Each structure stands twice: as structure tokens, then as C-alpha cells.
Protein backbone atom coordinates (compact mmCIF):
# COMPACT_ATOMS: atom_id res chain seq x y z
CA ALA A 1 0.00 0.00 0.00
CA ALA A 2 1.27 3.45 -0.80
CA ALA A 3 1.25 6.17 1.80
CA GLY A 4 -1.19 8.89 0.97
CA GLY A 5 -1.34 12.32 2.56
CA GLY A 6 -0.07 12.69 6.07
CA GLY A 7 2.28 15.65 6.13
CA GLY A 8 5.59 16.23 4.48
CA GLY A 9 4.29 17.14 1.06
CA GLY A 10 6.79 14.93 -0.82
CA SER A 11 5.53 13.63 -4.13
CA ALA A 12 7.30 10.26 -3.96
CA SER A 13 5.11 7.31 -3.07
CA VAL A 14 6.38 5.41 -0.03
CA SER A 15 5.27 1.89 0.80
CA VAL A 16 3.99 1.77 4.38
CA PRO A 17 4.99 -1.43 6.21
CA VAL A 18 2.19 -3.69 7.40
CA LEU A 19 2.88 -5.64 10.59
CA ARG A 20 1.52 -9.18 10.77
CA ARG A 21 2.15 -12.65 12.16
CA ALA A 22 4.51 -14.56 9.90
CA THR A 23 3.37 -17.70 8.11
CA ALA A 24 5.31 -20.72 6.92
CA ALA A 25 5.44 -19.04 3.49
CA ASP A 26 7.51 -16.21 5.03
CA ARG A 27 10.21 -18.46 6.51
CA ARG A 28 12.70 -18.23 3.63
CA ALA A 29 12.30 -14.45 3.30
CA ILE A 30 12.92 -14.04 7.03
CA GLU A 31 15.92 -16.36 6.83
CA ARG A 32 17.44 -14.36 3.95
CA LEU A 33 16.88 -11.07 5.79
CA VAL A 34 18.33 -12.28 9.09
CA VAL A 35 21.33 -14.05 7.56
CA SER A 36 22.23 -11.16 5.24
CA ASN A 37 22.08 -8.71 8.15
CA HIS A 38 24.09 -11.08 10.34
CA LEU A 39 26.81 -11.43 7.72
CA SER A 40 26.88 -7.72 6.87
CA LEU A 41 28.01 -6.98 10.42
CA SER A 42 31.33 -8.64 9.60
CA ALA A 43 31.72 -7.61 5.96
CA ASP A 44 34.81 -5.49 6.67
CA GLU A 45 36.62 -8.30 8.50
CA PRO A 46 37.28 -11.29 6.17
CA GLU A 47 38.32 -13.65 8.98
CA GLU A 48 35.29 -12.72 11.06
CA LEU A 49 33.04 -13.07 8.02
CA GLU A 50 34.25 -16.64 7.47
CA ALA A 51 33.59 -17.46 11.12
CA GLN A 52 30.13 -15.91 10.89
CA GLU A 53 29.29 -17.89 7.74
CA ARG A 54 30.27 -21.13 9.48
CA GLY A 55 28.07 -20.20 12.46
CA VAL A 56 24.93 -19.24 10.54
CA PRO A 57 23.23 -22.67 10.64
CA ALA A 58 23.69 -22.97 14.41
CA ASP A 59 22.71 -19.38 15.11
CA PHE A 60 19.50 -19.50 13.12
CA GLY A 61 18.35 -23.10 13.44
CA VAL A 62 14.81 -22.02 14.28
CA LEU A 63 14.62 -20.42 10.83
CA ARG A 64 16.37 -23.21 8.95
CA ASP A 65 14.15 -25.97 10.31
CA ALA A 66 10.46 -25.89 9.30
CA ALA A 67 9.28 -27.71 12.44
CA SER A 68 11.18 -25.34 14.74
CA PHE A 69 9.79 -22.37 12.84
CA ALA A 70 6.25 -23.69 13.19
CA ALA A 71 6.75 -24.08 16.96
CA SER A 72 7.99 -20.48 17.32
CA ALA A 73 6.24 -17.14 16.89
CA HIS A 74 7.51 -14.72 14.26
CA PHE A 75 6.20 -11.38 13.14
CA VAL A 76 7.08 -9.47 9.99
CA ALA A 77 6.80 -5.99 8.59
CA GLU A 78 5.98 -6.20 4.90
CA ALA A 79 6.28 -3.30 2.47
CA GLY A 80 5.64 -3.51 -1.24
CA GLY A 81 5.22 -7.28 -1.01
CA GLU A 82 8.66 -7.71 0.60
CA VAL A 83 9.54 -8.70 4.18
CA VAL A 84 11.52 -5.70 5.46
CA ALA A 85 11.71 -6.52 9.17
CA SER A 86 11.12 -9.49 11.43
CA ALA A 87 11.16 -10.51 15.07
CA GLY A 88 10.67 -13.93 16.57
CA VAL A 89 10.55 -15.86 19.81
CA ALA A 90 11.03 -19.57 20.44
CA ARG A 91 10.60 -21.78 23.48
CA ALA A 92 13.79 -21.87 25.52
CA GLU A 93 15.48 -25.26 25.40
CA GLY A 94 15.98 -26.75 28.84
CA GLY A 95 14.38 -23.74 30.47
CA GLU A 96 11.46 -23.47 32.82
CA SER A 97 8.05 -24.25 31.41
CA GLY A 98 6.71 -21.22 29.58
CA GLU A 99 10.12 -19.60 29.01
CA TRP A 100 10.73 -18.11 25.58
CA ARG A 101 13.85 -16.61 24.04
CA LEU A 102 14.23 -13.90 21.46
CA CYS A 103 15.57 -15.73 18.42
CA SER A 104 15.85 -13.01 15.82
CA VAL A 105 15.22 -9.34 15.23
CA SER A 106 16.25 -7.93 11.88
CA THR A 107 15.47 -4.95 9.68
CA ALA A 108 16.45 -4.39 6.06
CA PRO A 109 18.90 -1.47 5.69
CA SER A 110 16.35 0.37 3.53
CA HIS A 111 13.86 0.38 6.42
CA ARG A 112 16.06 1.08 9.42
CA ARG A 113 15.42 4.08 11.66
CA ARG A 114 11.69 3.95 10.91
CA GLY A 115 10.54 2.43 14.18
CA LEU A 116 10.35 -1.18 13.00
CA ALA A 117 13.10 -2.71 15.13
């Protein structure tokens, strides 16, 4: 959806993010967003980047495994048909009953500093 009106007076159309609960169909888009942001943090350090690439599967197992994803709760911000931010929680392994852990929060560079994450 394009933003209409609302102050500013700019003529460029801006896609307003829609927040919603993620579905199984969003899993790969969330994974790509989270992993690309994770790796970009080390882009200037080749040795660190290699270490980060090796650690991606372990760090984001809840995204890489469909059953784990289904057992977690993820939310996305979607703009122009694209997932531009996500946040998720998963049950803590070995923790007290009812404990959850934050498993990912990520925002596309194009949508940072807009109050999404």
C-alpha cells in the first residue's frame, strides 16, 4: 500500500509497512533477511566473516528448520510485497516451562530508523 497524505508534502510514493504474524510461506524471506544482516556486520573483517558464515546454521536453526519455525512465533513488517523486518521468539530449550527466548530481530537497511526494530 502506498502512503497517501499525512504531512511532508513529498511527491514520492512510499510503501507503508504492514505488521503481521509470519506464516510458513515467510520463513525463507525471514531467513534471507536475518542471515544477510548477520553477515553484513562482519563484511569489513574477512576472517570474522568466514567465522560468521560457518556459524549461521547454528545461530538460526529455528529459521532453517520448518518444524522449529512452526513451533515459534515470528512477526514481519511487509512493504511492497517484501519482508523488510522481522522478530521472533522460540521456546527456551531446557528452560522453565513457559520460558521463551528472542531468536531473531532484523530490519532491512532500507527500512532502518523507521521504528520497525
